[in-house]
Each structure stands twice: as structure tokens, then as C-alpha cells.
């Protein structure tokens, strides 16, 4: 008579261990602190007419300044931190543009019908479509890298590139409204 041991308890234990490691990894992969790097980033955006010039302005010093900044995990944290800074500036500029376009739309309505006063609504629709595209594009970049850890760095760099390009577009819209 052969006794077969069930592998189920071992599989459950292994699954639980993997879940704990992944959870710990997720906790470790939180963005690096922005405080020491944000000032240089925002100063660059204020000084440079081309936002793309400022890509890496926070993450590069972070790579050198954080204890594990030159490891893949550290670089991922620094890229995530700069990604949040890009998002913050894009959100601020977008809302400023929406307010300016709403004011223009309102003044246009005094003279023309509504066909000529939908700029704020069009920007909002464009932003929603852009956001969906940007997320899909950077997911593609992540997936293209396969199973390697470089995918985190590639996706973080993608987030910065698409945010910088969008920020330039929204700045152009806002520039026409100043």
C-alpha cells in the first residue's frame, strides 16, 4: 500500500509566502521622498519653455542621493517620485487651463451661439482620452520588457515622457489664454 501525501498544504504555504514577499516588495516600492528633489524639478519647469528638458530633473539626483537609489528598486522609487511630480504639475496646469477656457467660453456665449464656446468641455474630453491612452501606452512599454525588472524603469520613464508631452500641449492651450 502506497501512502500519498497531499501537496495542497505545501502549495498553500508556498502561495502565502509568495504573497507576503510581493506585499513586502510593494511596500518597499513606494515612491522616494520628493522633498529634497522637488525644488529643482519645479525650478526647471518654471525656467524651461520645453518641459521635456526637465525629464530626470528629480529622479537623476534621487538615484545618487538615496541610499539604494542606484539599485533597480531604488531607481523605480525615484522614477515613481518624479512621476508624481509630473502628475502634480500636469493637474495644476490642466485646471488652470480649464478655468481660463471656461471664462473664454462664457464671454464667447455673449456674442455667439454654443458652437463656438465649447473649449473647456473639449479639453476635458481630450484629457480623459489622453489619460486612457497614456496608461495603455505605458502598460505596453511595461509588457514589452517581458519578465525583467527593467520593465519598471521603462514604464517609469514612459510615464515621464507622456506627461511631459501632455504638459507641453496643455501649456500651449493655456498660453493662448493668458
Foldseek 3Di string as FASTA:
>chain_A
DDDDDDCVVVVVVVVVVVVVVVVVLVVLLAADDCVVQLVQLVVCVVPDLQNVVSVCSRLVVQLVPDPNSVPLSNSLNSLVSVLVSLVVLLVVLLVLLLVLLQVVLVVVVVPDPNVPRCPSVVSVVVVVVLVVVLVVVLVVQLPVVPPDSCSSVSSSSSSSVSSSVSSSVSVVSVVVRD
